[in-house]
Amino acid sequence: MHGPGTVRQIHNIMRGQRDIGYSTTLKMVQIMTDKGLLLKNESVRPQVFTPARAEAQTQLQLIDELIQRAFGGSASKLVLRAASAKRITAKELAQIKKLIEGAKKPGV
């Protein structure tokens, strides 16, 4: 997380992670603002954008939308598809197993 920033600042951060054009960053910021994921401060120029919620809350919202739209509401289909992508590290797999074991325990 980097906190509040202008589109240019956001673009510079994203450009360090992948090859992306400024207009693409601008469009993504506009979409995220329309979806309520970012708040826009129009009292300053250039406009400054701030996350509307904590990172974990945003991730949960996006995952829920993905599960509903792409997996017919089935979280297990999402997990199975993610596992079949073979991008899960040994550490991540251990974390998943720990979560599953914790869910099996009564009263947890």
PDB file of N, CA and C in Angstrom:
ATOM      1  N   MET A   1       0.841  -1.177   0.000  1.00  0.00           N
ATOM      2  CA  MET A   1       0.000   0.000   0.000  1.00  0.00           C
ATOM      3  C   MET A   1       0.885   1.239   0.000  1.00  0.00           C
ATOM      4  N   HIS A   2       0.434   2.217  -0.761  1.00  0.00           N
ATOM      5  CA  HIS A   2       1.226   3.429  -0.901  1.00  0.00           C
ATOM      6  C   HIS A   2       0.496   4.673  -0.416  1.00  0.00           C
ATOM      7  N   GLY A   3      -0.795   4.568  -0.111  1.00  0.00           N
ATOM      8  CA  GLY A   3      -1.544   5.714   0.363  1.00  0.00           C
ATOM      9  C   GLY A   3      -2.051   6.587  -0.766  1.00  0.00           C
ATOM     10  N   PRO A   4      -2.475   7.815  -0.434  1.00  0.00           N
ATOM     11  CA  PRO A   4      -3.044   8.720  -1.429  1.00  0.00           C
ATOM     12  C   PRO A   4      -2.037   9.054  -2.527  1.00  0.00           C
ATOM     13  N   GLY A   5      -2.564   9.315  -3.737  1.00  0.00           N
ATOM     14  CA  GLY A   5      -1.680   9.682  -4.838  1.00  0.00           C
ATOM     15  C   GLY A   5      -2.445  10.203  -6.039  1.00  0.00           C
ATOM     16  N   THR A   6      -1.742  10.903  -6.886  1.00  0.00           N
ATOM     17  CA  THR A   6      -2.307  11.380  -8.143  1.00  0.00           C
ATOM     18  C   THR A   6      -2.265  10.229  -9.154  1.00  0.00           C
ATOM     19  N   VAL A   7      -2.951  10.422 -10.273  1.00  0.00           N
ATOM     20  CA  VAL A   7      -2.907   9.399 -11.315  1.00  0.00           C
ATOM     21  C   VAL A   7      -1.464   9.186 -11.766  1.00  0.00           C
ATOM     22  N   ARG A   8      -0.703  10.242 -11.898  1.00  0.00           N
ATOM     23  CA  ARG A   8       0.698  10.131 -12.324  1.00  0.00           C
ATOM     24  C   ARG A   8       1.498   9.298 -11.317  1.00  0.00           C
ATOM     25  N   GLN A   9       1.306   9.541 -10.020  1.00  0.00           N
ATOM     26  CA  GLN A   9       2.021   8.779  -9.001  1.00  0.00           C
ATOM     27  C   GLN A   9       1.615   7.303  -9.031  1.00  0.00           C
ATOM     28  N   ILE A  10       0.323   7.061  -9.188  1.00  0.00           N
ATOM     29  CA  ILE A  10      -0.169   5.687  -9.277  1.00  0.00           C
ATOM     30  C   ILE A  10       0.432   5.005 -10.505  1.00  0.00           C
ATOM     31  N   HIS A  11       0.437   5.735 -11.610  1.00  0.00           N
ATOM     32  CA  HIS A  11       1.000   5.193 -12.856  1.00  0.00           C
ATOM     33  C   HIS A  11       2.480   4.832 -12.691  1.00  0.00           C
ATOM     34  N   ASN A  12       3.234   5.690 -12.054  1.00  0.00           N
ATOM     35  CA  ASN A  12       4.664   5.428 -11.866  1.00  0.00           C
ATOM     36  C   ASN A  12       4.894   4.175 -11.024  1.00  0.00           C
ATOM     37  N   ILE A  13       4.060   3.964 -10.021  1.00  0.00           N
ATOM     38  CA  ILE A  13       4.167   2.753  -9.201  1.00  0.00           C
ATOM     39  C   ILE A  13       3.812   1.525 -10.025  1.00  0.00           C
ATOM     40  N   MET A  14       2.730   1.604 -10.778  1.00  0.00           N
ATOM     41  CA  MET A  14       2.298   0.462 -11.582  1.00  0.00           C
ATOM     42  C   MET A  14       3.293   0.159 -12.700  1.00  0.00           C
ATOM     43  N   ARG A  15       3.855   1.196 -13.281  1.00  0.00           N
ATOM     44  CA  ARG A  15       4.809   1.017 -14.371  1.00  0.00           C
ATOM     45  C   ARG A  15       6.053   0.266 -13.891  1.00  0.00           C
ATOM     46  N   GLY A  16       6.362   0.405 -12.613  1.00  0.00           N
ATOM     47  CA  GLY A  16       7.478  -0.347 -12.050  1.00  0.00           C
ATOM     48  C   GLY A  16       7.187  -1.831 -11.932  1.00  0.00           C
ATOM     49  N   GLN A  17       5.902  -2.199 -12.008  1.00  0.00           N
ATOM     50  CA  GLN A  17       5.508  -3.602 -11.863  1.00  0.00           C
ATOM     51  C   GLN A  17       5.166  -4.264 -13.193  1.00  0.00           C
ATOM     52  N   ARG A  18       4.703  -3.456 -14.170  1.00  0.00           N
ATOM     53  CA  ARG A  18       4.331  -4.006 -15.481  1.00  0.00           C
ATOM     54  C   ARG A  18       4.325  -2.902 -16.522  1.00  0.00           C
ATOM     55  N   ASP A  19       4.395  -3.292 -17.763  1.00  0.00           N
ATOM     56  CA  ASP A  19       4.365  -2.334 -18.863  1.00  0.00           C
ATOM     57  C   ASP A  19       2.926  -1.878 -19.064  1.00  0.00           C
ATOM     58  N   ILE A  20       2.648  -0.648 -18.707  1.00  0.00           N
ATOM     59  CA  ILE A  20       1.285  -0.131 -18.767  1.00  0.00           C
ATOM     60  C   ILE A  20       1.320   1.325 -19.217  1.00  0.00           C
ATOM     61  N   GLY A  21       0.365   1.696 -20.033  1.00  0.00           N
ATOM     62  CA  GLY A  21       0.282   3.065 -20.520  1.00  0.00           C
ATOM     63  C   GLY A  21      -0.439   3.971 -19.534  1.00  0.00           C
ATOM     64  N   TYR A  22      -0.147   5.252 -19.602  1.00  0.00           N
ATOM     65  CA  TYR A  22      -0.776   6.222 -18.701  1.00  0.00           C
ATOM     66  C   TYR A  22      -2.291   6.206 -18.866  1.00  0.00           C
ATOM     67  N   SER A  23      -2.764   6.130 -20.115  1.00  0.00           N
ATOM     68  CA  SER A  23      -4.213   6.163 -20.349  1.00  0.00           C
ATOM     69  C   SER A  23      -4.897   4.943 -19.722  1.00  0.00           C
ATOM     70  N   THR A  24      -4.201   3.816 -19.689  1.00  0.00           N
ATOM     71  CA  THR A  24      -4.746   2.616 -19.042  1.00  0.00           C
ATOM     72  C   THR A  24      -4.850   2.834 -17.537  1.00  0.00           C
ATOM     73  N   THR A  25      -3.820   3.418 -16.954  1.00  0.00           N
ATOM     74  CA  THR A  25      -3.852   3.720 -15.518  1.00  0.00           C
ATOM     75  C   THR A  25      -4.994   4.678 -15.208  1.00  0.00           C
ATOM     76  N   LEU A  26      -5.134   5.718 -16.012  1.00  0.00           N
ATOM     77  CA  LEU A  26      -6.207   6.696 -15.818  1.00  0.00           C
ATOM     78  C   LEU A  26      -7.564   6.010 -15.866  1.00  0.00           C
ATOM     79  N   LYS A  27      -7.779   5.150 -16.852  1.00  0.00           N
ATOM     80  CA  LYS A  27      -9.062   4.450 -16.987  1.00  0.00           C
ATOM     81  C   LYS A  27      -9.305   3.540 -15.784  1.00  0.00           C
ATOM     82  N   MET A  28      -8.274   2.842 -15.326  1.00  0.00           N
ATOM     83  CA  MET A  28      -8.426   1.975 -14.152  1.00  0.00           C
ATOM     84  C   MET A  28      -8.801   2.792 -12.911  1.00  0.00           C
ATOM     85  N   VAL A  29      -8.168   3.948 -12.749  1.00  0.00           N
ATOM     86  CA  VAL A  29      -8.475   4.820 -11.611  1.00  0.00           C
ATOM     87  C   VAL A  29      -9.922   5.304 -11.710  1.00  0.00           C
ATOM     88  N   GLN A  30     -10.374   5.662 -12.902  1.00  0.00           N
ATOM     89  CA  GLN A  30     -11.755   6.106 -13.093  1.00  0.00           C
ATOM     90  C   GLN A  30     -12.740   4.990 -12.747  1.00  0.00           C
ATOM     91  N   ILE A  31     -12.456   3.780 -13.222  1.00  0.00           N
ATOM     92  CA  ILE A  31     -13.333   2.643 -12.938  1.00  0.00           C
ATOM     93  C   ILE A  31     -13.368   2.349 -11.443  1.00  0.00           C
ATOM     94  N   MET A  32     -12.204   2.362 -10.814  1.00  0.00           N
ATOM     95  CA  MET A  32     -12.146   2.084  -9.374  1.00  0.00           C
ATOM     96  C   MET A  32     -12.856   3.166  -8.567  1.00  0.00           C
ATOM     97  N   THR A  33     -12.808   4.403  -9.048  1.00  0.00           N
ATOM     98  CA  THR A  33     -13.532   5.494  -8.384  1.00  0.00           C
ATOM     99  C   THR A  33     -15.031   5.286  -8.547  1.00  0.00           C
ATOM    100  N   ASP A  34     -15.466   4.937  -9.750  1.00  0.00           N
ATOM    101  CA  ASP A  34     -16.888   4.685 -10.007  1.00  0.00           C
ATOM    102  C   ASP A  34     -17.422   3.526  -9.167  1.00  0.00           C
ATOM    103  N   LYS A  35     -16.573   2.530  -8.919  1.00  0.00           N
ATOM    104  CA  LYS A  35     -16.983   1.368  -8.121  1.00  0.00           C
ATOM    105  C   LYS A  35     -16.902   1.624  -6.621  1.00  0.00           C
ATOM    106  N   GLY A  36     -16.410   2.804  -6.238  1.00  0.00           N
ATOM    107  CA  GLY A  36     -16.309   3.126  -4.825  1.00  0.00           C
ATOM    108  C   GLY A  36     -15.070   2.584  -4.155  1.00  0.00           C
ATOM    109  N   LEU A  37     -14.099   2.109  -4.940  1.00  0.00           N
ATOM    110  CA  LEU A  37     -12.869   1.572  -4.367  1.00  0.00           C
ATOM    111  C   LEU A  37     -11.874   2.677  -4.034  1.00  0.00           C
ATOM    112  N   LEU A  38     -11.972   3.797  -4.756  1.00  0.00           N
ATOM    113  CA  LEU A  38     -11.112   4.958  -4.513  1.00  0.00           C
ATOM    114  C   LEU A  38     -11.975   6.182  -4.250  1.00  0.00           C
ATOM    115  N   LEU A  39     -11.466   7.061  -3.403  1.00  0.00           N
ATOM    116  CA  LEU A  39     -12.106   8.358  -3.155  1.00  0.00           C
ATOM    117  C   LEU A  39     -11.277   9.427  -3.850  1.00  0.00           C
ATOM    118  N   LYS A  40     -11.965  10.412  -4.438  1.00  0.00           N
ATOM    119  CA  LYS A  40     -11.283  11.452  -5.192  1.00  0.00           C
ATOM    120  C   LYS A  40     -11.386  12.785  -4.458  1.00  0.00           C
ATOM    121  N   ASN A  41     -10.244  13.426  -4.226  1.00  0.00           N
ATOM    122  CA  ASN A  41     -10.207  14.757  -3.622  1.00  0.00           C
ATOM    123  C   ASN A  41     -10.091  15.763  -4.763  1.00  0.00           C
ATOM    124  N   GLU A  42     -11.206  16.417  -5.069  1.00  0.00           N
ATOM    125  CA  GLU A  42     -11.228  17.368  -6.180  1.00  0.00           C
ATOM    126  C   GLU A  42     -10.852  18.781  -5.747  1.00  0.00           C
ATOM    127  N   SER A  43     -10.562  18.978  -4.478  1.00  0.00           N
ATOM    128  CA  SER A  43     -10.242  20.321  -3.983  1.00  0.00           C
ATOM    129  C   SER A  43      -8.806  20.717  -4.289  1.00  0.00           C
ATOM    130  N   VAL A  44      -8.016  19.782  -4.773  1.00  0.00           N
ATOM    131  CA  VAL A  44      -6.622  20.067  -5.118  1.00  0.00           C
ATOM    132  C   VAL A  44      -6.370  19.670  -6.569  1.00  0.00           C
ATOM    133  N   ARG A  45      -5.361  20.291  -7.144  1.00  0.00           N
ATOM    134  CA  ARG A  45      -4.941  19.949  -8.515  1.00  0.00           C
ATOM    135  C   ARG A  45      -3.488  19.553  -8.495  1.00  0.00           C
ATOM    136  N   PRO A  46      -3.089  18.467  -9.067  1.00  0.00           N
ATOM    137  CA  PRO A  46      -3.956  17.448  -9.645  1.00  0.00           C
ATOM    138  C   PRO A  46      -4.746  16.717  -8.564  1.00  0.00           C
ATOM    139  N   GLN A  47      -5.845  16.087  -8.980  1.00  0.00           N
ATOM    140  CA  GLN A  47      -6.704  15.377  -8.036  1.00  0.00           C
ATOM    141  C   GLN A  47      -5.924  14.249  -7.362  1.00  0.00           C
ATOM    142  N   VAL A  48      -6.253  14.039  -6.098  1.00  0.00           N
ATOM    143  CA  VAL A  48      -5.592  12.993  -5.305  1.00  0.00           C
ATOM    144  C   VAL A  48      -6.616  11.904  -5.013  1.00  0.00           C
ATOM    145  N   PHE A  49      -6.192  10.659  -5.196  1.00  0.00           N
ATOM    146  CA  PHE A  49      -7.055   9.501  -4.979  1.00  0.00           C
ATOM    147  C   PHE A  49      -6.567   8.737  -3.761  1.00  0.00           C
ATOM    148  N   THR A  50      -7.526   8.293  -2.955  1.00  0.00           N
ATOM    149  CA  THR A  50      -7.243   7.582  -1.715  1.00  0.00           C
ATOM    150  C   THR A  50      -8.067   6.296  -1.689  1.00  0.00           C
ATOM    151  N   PRO A  51      -7.507   5.204  -1.198  1.00  0.00           N
ATOM    152  CA  PRO A  51      -8.310   3.986  -1.057  1.00  0.00           C
ATOM    153  C   PRO A  51      -9.525   4.245  -0.162  1.00  0.00           C
ATOM    154  N   ALA A  52     -10.678   3.754  -0.581  1.00  0.00           N
ATOM    155  CA  ALA A  52     -11.910   3.956   0.190  1.00  0.00           C
ATOM    156  C   ALA A  52     -11.975   3.044   1.408  1.00  0.00           C
ATOM    157  N   ARG A  53     -11.306   1.913   1.330  1.00  0.00           N
ATOM    158  CA  ARG A  53     -11.320   0.940   2.422  1.00  0.00           C
ATOM    159  C   ARG A  53      -9.924   0.358   2.604  1.00  0.00           C
ATOM    160  N   ALA A  54      -9.781  -0.376   3.671  1.00  0.00           N
ATOM    161  CA  ALA A  54      -8.528  -1.088   3.905  1.00  0.00           C
ATOM    162  C   ALA A  54      -8.330  -2.133   2.808  1.00  0.00           C
ATOM    163  N   GLU A  55      -7.078  -2.470   2.538  1.00  0.00           N
ATOM    164  CA  GLU A  55      -6.740  -3.423   1.479  1.00  0.00           C
ATOM    165  C   GLU A  55      -7.504  -4.739   1.632  1.00  0.00           C
ATOM    166  N   ALA A  56      -7.572  -5.267   2.834  1.00  0.00           N
ATOM    167  CA  ALA A  56      -8.240  -6.555   3.067  1.00  0.00           C
ATOM    168  C   ALA A  56      -9.729  -6.468   2.735  1.00  0.00           C
ATOM    169  N   GLN A  57     -10.368  -5.361   3.073  1.00  0.00           N
ATOM    170  CA  GLN A  57     -11.794  -5.188   2.772  1.00  0.00           C
ATOM    171  C   GLN A  57     -12.026  -5.121   1.262  1.00  0.00           C
ATOM    172  N   THR A  58     -11.155  -4.423   0.557  1.00  0.00           N
ATOM    173  CA  THR A  58     -11.271  -4.324  -0.894  1.00  0.00           C
ATOM    174  C   THR A  58     -11.070  -5.688  -1.535  1.00  0.00           C
ATOM    175  N   GLN A  59     -10.081  -6.435  -1.056  1.00  0.00           N
ATOM    176  CA  GLN A  59      -9.838  -7.773  -1.594  1.00  0.00           C
ATOM    177  C   GLN A  59     -11.059  -8.665  -1.406  1.00  0.00           C
ATOM    178  N   LEU A  60     -11.662  -8.600  -0.223  1.00  0.00           N
ATOM    179  CA  LEU A  60     -12.857  -9.417   0.031  1.00  0.00           C
ATOM    180  C   LEU A  60     -13.998  -9.032  -0.903  1.00  0.00           C
ATOM    181  N   GLN A  61     -14.191  -7.734  -1.118  1.00  0.00           N
ATOM    182  CA  GLN A  61     -15.247  -7.271  -2.011  1.00  0.00           C
ATOM    183  C   GLN A  61     -15.005  -7.772  -3.438  1.00  0.00           C
ATOM    184  N   LEU A  62     -13.768  -7.642  -3.912  1.00  0.00           N
ATOM    185  CA  LEU A  62     -13.451  -8.068  -5.270  1.00  0.00           C
ATOM    186  C   LEU A  62     -13.562  -9.581  -5.430  1.00  0.00           C
ATOM    187  N   ILE A  63     -13.116 -10.334  -4.425  1.00  0.00           N
ATOM    188  CA  ILE A  63     -13.223 -11.796  -4.478  1.00  0.00           C
ATOM    189  C   ILE A  63     -14.682 -12.214  -4.486  1.00  0.00           C
ATOM    190  N   ASP A  64     -15.504 -11.566  -3.675  1.00  0.00           N
ATOM    191  CA  ASP A  64     -16.930 -11.891  -3.644  1.00  0.00           C
ATOM    192  C   ASP A  64     -17.563 -11.644  -5.016  1.00  0.00           C
ATOM    193  N   GLU A  65     -17.234 -10.508  -5.633  1.00  0.00           N
ATOM    194  CA  GLU A  65     -17.767 -10.218  -6.966  1.00  0.00           C
ATOM    195  C   GLU A  65     -17.296 -11.255  -7.978  1.00  0.00           C
ATOM    196  N   LEU A  66     -16.023 -11.638  -7.899  1.00  0.00           N
ATOM    197  CA  LEU A  66     -15.476 -12.642  -8.808  1.00  0.00           C
ATOM    198  C   LEU A  66     -16.183 -13.984  -8.625  1.00  0.00           C
ATOM    199  N   ILE A  67     -16.375 -14.396  -7.388  1.00  0.00           N
ATOM    200  CA  ILE A  67     -17.055 -15.663  -7.107  1.00  0.00           C
ATOM    201  C   ILE A  67     -18.467 -15.642  -7.677  1.00  0.00           C
ATOM    202  N   GLN A  68     -19.163 -14.538  -7.477  1.00  0.00           N
ATOM    203  CA  GLN A  68     -20.545 -14.437  -7.968  1.00  0.00           C
ATOM    204  C   GLN A  68     -20.599 -14.432  -9.500  1.00  0.00           C
ATOM    205  N   ARG A  69     -19.753 -13.652 -10.131  1.00  0.00           N
ATOM    206  CA  ARG A  69     -19.827 -13.479 -11.584  1.00  0.00           C
ATOM    207  C   ARG A  69     -19.203 -14.626 -12.376  1.00  0.00           C
ATOM    208  N   ALA A  70     -18.050 -15.080 -11.955  1.00  0.00           N
ATOM    209  CA  ALA A  70     -17.308 -16.051 -12.759  1.00  0.00           C
ATOM    210  C   ALA A  70     -17.489 -17.499 -12.312  1.00  0.00           C
ATOM    211  N   PHE A  71     -17.900 -17.710 -11.062  1.00  0.00           N
ATOM    212  CA  PHE A  71     -17.968 -19.067 -10.542  1.00  0.00           C
ATOM    213  C   PHE A  71     -19.354 -19.431 -10.016  1.00  0.00           C
ATOM    214  N   GLY A  72     -20.363 -18.685 -10.437  1.00  0.00           N
ATOM    215  CA  GLY A  72     -21.743 -19.012 -10.072  1.00  0.00           C
ATOM    216  C   GLY A  72     -21.983 -19.046  -8.581  1.00  0.00           C
ATOM    217  N   GLY A  73     -21.218 -18.263  -7.825  1.00  0.00           N
ATOM    218  CA  GLY A  73     -21.392 -18.210  -6.380  1.00  0.00           C
ATOM    219  C   GLY A  73     -20.658 -19.305  -5.625  1.00  0.00           C
ATOM    220  N   SER A  74     -19.882 -20.122  -6.324  1.00  0.00           N
ATOM    221  CA  SER A  74     -19.194 -21.249  -5.691  1.00  0.00           C
ATOM    222  C   SER A  74     -17.743 -20.902  -5.366  1.00  0.00           C
ATOM    223  N   ALA A  75     -17.465 -20.732  -4.077  1.00  0.00           N
ATOM    224  CA  ALA A  75     -16.098 -20.458  -3.645  1.00  0.00           C
ATOM    225  C   ALA A  75     -15.192 -21.662  -3.910  1.00  0.00           C
ATOM    226  N   SER A  76     -15.744 -22.869  -3.797  1.00  0.00           N
ATOM    227  CA  SER A  76     -14.921 -24.060  -4.029  1.00  0.00           C
ATOM    228  C   SER A  76     -14.453 -24.121  -5.483  1.00  0.00           C
ATOM    229  N   LYS A  77     -15.288 -23.695  -6.435  1.00  0.00           N
ATOM    230  CA  LYS A  77     -14.864 -23.666  -7.841  1.00  0.00           C
ATOM    231  C   LYS A  77     -13.702 -22.694  -8.031  1.00  0.00           C
ATOM    232  N   LEU A  78     -13.756 -21.563  -7.343  1.00  0.00           N
ATOM    233  CA  LEU A  78     -12.661 -20.586  -7.418  1.00  0.00           C
ATOM    234  C   LEU A  78     -11.368 -21.199  -6.886  1.00  0.00           C
ATOM    235  N   VAL A  79     -11.443 -21.835  -5.735  1.00  0.00           N
ATOM    236  CA  VAL A  79     -10.246 -22.421  -5.117  1.00  0.00           C
ATOM    237  C   VAL A  79      -9.684 -23.545  -5.983  1.00  0.00           C
ATOM    238  N   LEU A  80     -10.560 -24.387  -6.524  1.00  0.00           N
ATOM    239  CA  LEU A  80     -10.097 -25.479  -7.379  1.00  0.00           C
ATOM    240  C   LEU A  80      -9.442 -24.948  -8.649  1.00  0.00           C
ATOM    241  N   ARG A  81     -10.007 -23.909  -9.233  1.00  0.00           N
ATOM    242  CA  ARG A  81      -9.430 -23.321 -10.444  1.00  0.00           C
ATOM    243  C   ARG A  81      -8.074 -22.688 -10.118  1.00  0.00           C
ATOM    244  N   ALA A  82      -8.004 -21.994  -9.001  1.00  0.00           N
ATOM    245  CA  ALA A  82      -6.741 -21.370  -8.601  1.00  0.00           C
ATOM    246  C   ALA A  82      -5.679 -22.443  -8.364  1.00  0.00           C
ATOM    247  N   ALA A  83      -6.067 -23.527  -7.730  1.00  0.00           N
ATOM    248  CA  ALA A  83      -5.109 -24.603  -7.463  1.00  0.00           C
ATOM    249  C   ALA A  83      -4.654 -25.270  -8.756  1.00  0.00           C
ATOM    250  N   SER A  84      -5.551 -25.377  -9.714  1.00  0.00           N
ATOM    251  CA  SER A  84      -5.184 -26.028 -10.977  1.00  0.00           C
ATOM    252  C   SER A  84      -4.279 -25.151 -11.835  1.00  0.00           C
ATOM    253  N   ALA A  85      -4.200 -23.866 -11.518  1.00  0.00           N
ATOM    254  CA  ALA A  85      -3.333 -22.952 -12.266  1.00  0.00           C
ATOM    255  C   ALA A  85      -1.865 -23.211 -11.951  1.00  0.00           C
ATOM    256  N   LYS A  86      -1.583 -23.981 -10.916  1.00  0.00           N
ATOM    257  CA  LYS A  86      -0.234 -24.378 -10.524  1.00  0.00           C
ATOM    258  C   LYS A  86       0.667 -23.189 -10.205  1.00  0.00           C
ATOM    259  N   ARG A  87       0.084 -22.146  -9.698  1.00  0.00           N
ATOM    260  CA  ARG A  87       0.869 -20.985  -9.288  1.00  0.00           C
ATOM    261  C   ARG A  87       0.948 -20.882  -7.769  1.00  0.00           C
ATOM    262  N   ILE A  88       0.515 -21.913  -7.096  1.00  0.00           N
ATOM    263  CA  ILE A  88       0.517 -21.905  -5.646  1.00  0.00           C
ATOM    264  C   ILE A  88       1.880 -22.368  -5.159  1.00  0.00           C
ATOM    265  N   THR A  89       2.498 -21.551  -4.314  1.00  0.00           N
ATOM    266  CA  THR A  89       3.800 -21.916  -3.755  1.00  0.00           C
ATOM    267  C   THR A  89       3.599 -22.904  -2.606  1.00  0.00           C
ATOM    268  N   ALA A  90       4.666 -23.547  -2.213  1.00  0.00           N
ATOM    269  CA  ALA A  90       4.609 -24.490  -1.095  1.00  0.00           C
ATOM    270  C   ALA A  90       4.153 -23.774   0.179  1.00  0.00           C
ATOM    271  N   LYS A  91       4.624 -22.548   0.375  1.00  0.00           N
ATOM    272  CA  LYS A  91       4.244 -21.777   1.557  1.00  0.00           C
ATOM    273  C   LYS A  91       2.742 -21.473   1.529  1.00  0.00           C
ATOM    274  N   GLU A  92       2.240 -21.072   0.357  1.00  0.00           N
ATOM    275  CA  GLU A  92       0.814 -20.771   0.236  1.00  0.00           C
ATOM    276  C   GLU A  92      -0.021 -22.030   0.458  1.00  0.00           C
ATOM    277  N   LEU A  93       0.432 -23.138  -0.080  1.00  0.00           N
ATOM    278  CA  LEU A  93      -0.276 -24.400   0.097  1.00  0.00           C
ATOM    279  C   LEU A  93      -0.350 -24.773   1.576  1.00  0.00           C
ATOM    280  N   ALA A  94       0.734 -24.559   2.305  1.00  0.00           N
ATOM    281  CA  ALA A  94       0.749 -24.834   3.746  1.00  0.00           C
ATOM    282  C   ALA A  94      -0.254 -23.934   4.475  1.00  0.00           C
ATOM    283  N   GLN A  95      -0.337 -22.670   4.058  1.00  0.00           N
ATOM    284  CA  GLN A  95      -1.305 -21.756   4.669  1.00  0.00           C
ATOM    285  C   GLN A  95      -2.730 -22.203   4.389  1.00  0.00           C
ATOM    286  N   ILE A  96      -2.987 -22.650   3.166  1.00  0.00           N
ATOM    287  CA  ILE A  96      -4.325 -23.126   2.791  1.00  0.00           C
ATOM    288  C   ILE A  96      -4.693 -24.359   3.620  1.00  0.00           C
ATOM    289  N   LYS A  97      -3.749 -25.280   3.758  1.00  0.00           N
ATOM    290  CA  LYS A  97      -4.004 -26.482   4.560  1.00  0.00           C
ATOM    291  C   LYS A  97      -4.322 -26.112   6.011  1.00  0.00           C
ATOM    292  N   LYS A  98      -3.611 -25.127   6.541  1.00  0.00           N
ATOM    293  CA  LYS A  98      -3.840 -24.682   7.912  1.00  0.00           C
ATOM    294  C   LYS A  98      -5.249 -24.094   8.053  1.00  0.00           C
ATOM    295  N   LEU A  99      -5.675 -23.318   7.067  1.00  0.00           N
ATOM    296  CA  LEU A  99      -7.027 -22.749   7.089  1.00  0.00           C
ATOM    297  C   LEU A  99      -8.086 -23.846   7.031  1.00  0.00           C
ATOM    298  N   ILE A 100      -7.855 -24.857   6.186  1.00  0.00           N
ATOM    299  CA  ILE A 100      -8.802 -25.961   6.068  1.00  0.00           C
ATOM    300  C   ILE A 100      -8.898 -26.729   7.380  1.00  0.00           C
ATOM    301  N   GLU A 101      -7.756 -27.010   7.984  1.00  0.00           N
ATOM    302  CA  GLU A 101      -7.752 -27.728   9.268  1.00  0.00           C
ATOM    303  C   GLU A 101      -8.477 -26.927  10.330  1.00  0.00           C
ATOM    304  N   GLY A 102      -8.250 -25.618  10.345  1.00  0.00           N
ATOM    305  CA  GLY A 102      -8.936 -24.764  11.320  1.00  0.00           C
ATOM    306  C   GLY A 102     -10.435 -24.741  11.106  1.00  0.00           C
ATOM    307  N   ALA A 103     -10.879 -24.820   9.849  1.00  0.00           N
ATOM    308  CA  ALA A 103     -12.306 -24.833   9.554  1.00  0.00           C
ATOM    309  C   ALA A 103     -12.965 -26.133   9.948  1.00  0.00           C
ATOM    310  N   LYS A 104     -12.183 -27.203  10.006  1.00  0.00           N
ATOM    311  CA  LYS A 104     -12.728 -28.523  10.373  1.00  0.00           C
ATOM    312  C   LYS A 104     -13.007 -28.627  11.869  1.00  0.00           C
ATOM    313  N   LYS A 105     -12.294 -27.829  12.686  1.00  0.00           N
ATOM    314  CA  LYS A 105     -12.433 -27.929  14.136  1.00  0.00           C
ATOM    315  C   LYS A 105     -13.769 -27.333  14.562  1.00  0.00           C
ATOM    316  N   PRO A 106     -14.491 -28.053  15.427  1.00  0.00           N
ATOM    317  CA  PRO A 106     -15.777 -27.544  15.922  1.00  0.00           C
ATOM    318  C   PRO A 106     -15.575 -26.301  16.785  1.00  0.00           C
ATOM    319  N   GLY A 107     -16.478 -25.359  16.647  1.00  0.00           N
ATOM    320  CA  GLY A 107     -16.433 -24.163  17.468  1.00  0.00           C
ATOM    321  C   GLY A 107     -15.449 -23.124  17.002  1.00  0.00           C
ATOM    322  N   VAL A 108     -14.854 -23.301  15.823  1.00  0.00           N
ATOM    323  CA  VAL A 108     -13.867 -22.343  15.320  1.00  0.00           C
ATOM    324  C   VAL A 108     -14.504 -21.492  14.255  1.00  0.00           C
TER     325      VAL A 108
END
